[in-house]
Amino acid sequence: MTSPRSLTRTPLSSVSASSIVSSLLNVQTSGRGFVDLTGEIAKFVKAAGAREGAVTLFIRHTSASLTIQENADPTVLDDLATALDRLAPENAGWSHDTEGPDDMPAHVKTMLTATSLQIPVLKGELALGTWQAIYLIEHRARPHRREIVLQFIGAFSA
């Protein structure tokens, strides 16, 4: 095992959180694919008056999910969709097919990804990396209305 050449860490900062700001984000999807939510989440953070803390996203569904992924090259999202389709194909002989052949694969894809995310907020901004974006992944073929609970907890701007 090798040790890293250099490690640095900023000084500690501390905030007191005595309230939580919440909102419900409704997203109309157009069927299978990725929906970039980054701008809407940034608007929520700004409207909340967030300064330092964390924003949490929770999708209230079992056949759609959330992820943080690259936003620079759209072929990354295409390849991720391909990978999820290979891991949970429609023709795998699923027992649960009441809502169609894409239903059970959608549940598996949600289990493999995430139903909630937490993103730090520093100096009033989402602390995402340069090439990161927040996405809703619609796993169903048909359009759906999806609900995402947003919450900020932390310190607020004066």
Protein backbone atom coordinates (compact mmCIF):
# COMPACT_ATOMS: atom_id res chain seq x y z
CA MET A 1 0.00 0.00 0.00
CA THR A 2 1.37 3.39 -0.94
CA SER A 3 0.65 6.59 0.91
CA PRO A 4 -0.51 9.71 -0.89
CA ARG A 5 2.08 12.31 -1.78
CA SER A 6 0.11 15.13 -0.25
CA LEU A 7 -3.02 15.58 1.79
CA THR A 8 -4.53 18.93 2.64
CA ARG A 9 -7.71 19.92 4.42
CA THR A 10 -9.30 23.30 4.97
CA PRO A 11 -9.89 24.53 8.52
CA LEU A 12 -13.07 23.31 10.20
CA SER A 13 -16.20 25.43 9.98
CA SER A 14 -19.29 25.09 12.12
CA VAL A 15 -22.90 26.22 11.72
CA SER A 16 -25.99 25.90 13.87
CA ALA A 17 -29.16 24.73 12.17
CA SER A 18 -32.43 25.51 13.85
CA SER A 19 -34.79 25.24 10.88
CA ILE A 20 -35.34 23.26 7.72
CA VAL A 21 -36.61 24.67 4.43
CA SER A 22 -38.65 22.23 2.31
CA SER A 23 -40.24 22.24 -1.11
CA LEU A 24 -41.81 19.70 -3.44
CA LEU A 25 -40.43 19.64 -7.00
CA ASN A 26 -42.76 18.17 -9.64
CA VAL A 27 -41.10 16.91 -12.81
CA GLN A 28 -42.96 15.76 -15.91
CA THR A 29 -40.73 13.25 -17.70
CA SER A 30 -41.02 12.34 -21.36
CA GLY A 31 -40.24 8.67 -20.80
CA ARG A 32 -36.97 6.80 -20.34
CA GLY A 33 -33.92 8.99 -19.86
CA PHE A 34 -32.12 11.57 -17.74
CA VAL A 35 -33.56 14.92 -16.66
CA ASP A 36 -31.01 17.51 -15.45
CA LEU A 37 -32.29 19.00 -12.17
CA THR A 38 -29.16 20.98 -11.27
CA GLY A 39 -30.56 24.40 -12.17
CA GLU A 40 -33.80 23.81 -10.25
CA ILE A 41 -31.92 22.62 -7.16
CA ALA A 42 -29.64 25.69 -7.35
CA LYS A 43 -32.77 27.91 -7.53
CA PHE A 44 -34.17 26.16 -4.44
CA VAL A 45 -30.91 26.74 -2.54
CA LYS A 46 -30.95 30.43 -3.49
CA ALA A 47 -34.66 30.87 -2.65
CA ALA A 48 -34.08 29.19 0.73
CA GLY A 49 -31.36 31.72 1.54
CA ALA A 50 -28.97 28.83 2.16
CA ARG A 51 -25.39 29.69 3.17
CA GLU A 52 -23.73 26.58 4.66
CA GLY A 53 -25.29 23.14 5.12
CA ALA A 54 -26.78 20.42 2.97
CA VAL A 55 -29.60 20.01 0.52
CA THR A 56 -31.33 16.64 0.43
CA LEU A 57 -33.37 15.31 -2.49
CA PHE A 58 -35.75 12.37 -2.10
CA ILE A 59 -37.76 10.95 -5.02
CA ARG A 60 -41.12 9.53 -3.97
CA HIS A 61 -41.21 6.68 -6.51
CA THR A 62 -39.92 3.13 -6.99
CA SER A 63 -39.44 3.21 -10.76
CA ALA A 64 -37.40 6.42 -11.11
CA SER A 65 -34.25 7.48 -9.31
CA LEU A 66 -31.66 10.18 -8.69
CA THR A 67 -27.95 10.33 -9.49
CA ILE A 68 -25.02 12.71 -9.73
CA GLN A 69 -23.15 12.20 -12.98
CA GLU A 70 -21.03 13.90 -15.61
CA ASN A 71 -22.66 16.82 -17.43
CA ALA A 72 -20.02 17.50 -20.11
CA ASP A 73 -20.33 14.57 -22.53
CA PRO A 74 -23.89 13.31 -23.24
CA THR A 75 -22.54 9.93 -24.34
CA VAL A 76 -21.86 9.21 -20.65
CA LEU A 77 -25.61 9.26 -19.99
CA ASP A 78 -26.23 7.07 -23.06
CA ASP A 79 -23.67 4.54 -21.81
CA LEU A 80 -25.16 4.58 -18.30
CA ALA A 81 -28.62 3.89 -19.74
CA THR A 82 -27.14 1.01 -21.76
CA ALA A 83 -25.46 -0.41 -18.65
CA LEU A 84 -28.70 -0.25 -16.64
CA ASP A 85 -30.58 -1.95 -19.51
CA ARG A 86 -28.00 -4.74 -19.54
CA LEU A 87 -28.26 -5.20 -15.76
CA ALA A 88 -32.08 -5.23 -15.77
CA PRO A 89 -33.40 -6.14 -19.24
CA GLU A 90 -37.12 -6.22 -20.00
CA ASN A 91 -37.04 -9.81 -21.30
CA ALA A 92 -35.52 -11.44 -18.21
CA GLY A 93 -38.63 -13.44 -17.27
CA TRP A 94 -39.76 -11.17 -14.42
CA SER A 95 -42.82 -12.29 -12.43
CA HIS A 96 -43.98 -8.72 -11.76
CA ASP A 97 -45.27 -7.34 -15.06
CA THR A 98 -48.69 -5.97 -14.08
CA GLU A 99 -47.88 -2.49 -15.41
CA GLY A 100 -45.96 -3.69 -18.46
CA PRO A 101 -42.63 -5.26 -19.36
CA ASP A 102 -40.64 -2.17 -18.29
CA ASP A 103 -42.05 -2.10 -14.73
CA MET A 104 -39.92 -4.68 -12.91
CA PRO A 105 -36.70 -3.64 -14.69
CA ALA A 106 -37.50 -0.06 -13.54
CA HIS A 107 -37.71 -1.22 -9.92
CA VAL A 108 -34.35 -3.03 -10.22
CA LYS A 109 -32.71 0.03 -11.81
CA THR A 110 -34.01 2.21 -8.96
CA MET A 111 -32.56 -0.24 -6.44
CA LEU A 112 -29.18 -0.07 -8.22
CA THR A 113 -29.09 3.72 -8.25
CA ALA A 114 -30.53 6.00 -5.52
CA THR A 115 -33.79 7.42 -4.23
CA SER A 116 -32.09 10.17 -2.22
CA LEU A 117 -29.05 12.41 -2.54
CA GLN A 118 -27.36 14.85 -0.20
CA ILE A 119 -25.26 17.68 -1.60
CA PRO A 120 -23.20 20.06 0.55
CA VAL A 121 -23.91 23.77 0.24
CA LEU A 122 -20.89 26.04 0.70
CA LYS A 123 -21.09 29.84 0.56
CA GLY A 124 -24.63 29.62 -0.83
CA GLU A 125 -23.70 27.31 -3.73
CA LEU A 126 -24.06 23.60 -4.42
CA ALA A 127 -20.64 22.04 -3.80
CA LEU A 128 -20.72 19.98 -6.99
CA GLY A 129 -17.57 19.24 -8.94
CA THR A 130 -16.89 20.95 -12.27
CA TRP A 131 -18.41 18.18 -14.39
CA GLN A 132 -21.16 17.04 -12.01
CA ALA A 133 -24.90 17.48 -12.46
CA ILE A 134 -27.94 16.19 -10.57
CA TYR A 135 -30.25 13.98 -12.63
CA LEU A 136 -33.61 12.32 -12.27
CA ILE A 137 -33.51 9.00 -14.14
CA GLU A 138 -36.85 7.94 -15.57
CA HIS A 139 -36.77 4.17 -15.90
CA ARG A 140 -40.25 3.73 -17.42
CA ALA A 141 -40.96 3.98 -21.15
CA ARG A 142 -44.03 6.20 -20.76
CA PRO A 143 -44.00 9.80 -19.47
CA HIS A 144 -44.63 10.19 -15.73
CA ARG A 145 -45.10 12.99 -13.23
CA ARG A 146 -42.44 12.57 -10.56
CA GLU A 147 -42.26 14.24 -7.15
CA ILE A 148 -39.01 15.08 -5.42
CA VAL A 149 -38.87 16.37 -1.85
CA LEU A 150 -36.21 19.06 -1.40
CA GLN A 151 -34.90 20.06 2.02
CA PHE A 152 -32.13 22.39 3.13
CA ILE A 153 -30.74 22.28 6.64
CA GLY A 154 -27.92 24.52 7.77
CA ALA A 155 -27.15 28.19 8.16
CA PHE A 156 -29.02 30.86 6.26
CA SER A 157 -27.87 34.15 4.76
CA ALA A 158 -28.61 37.21 6.82
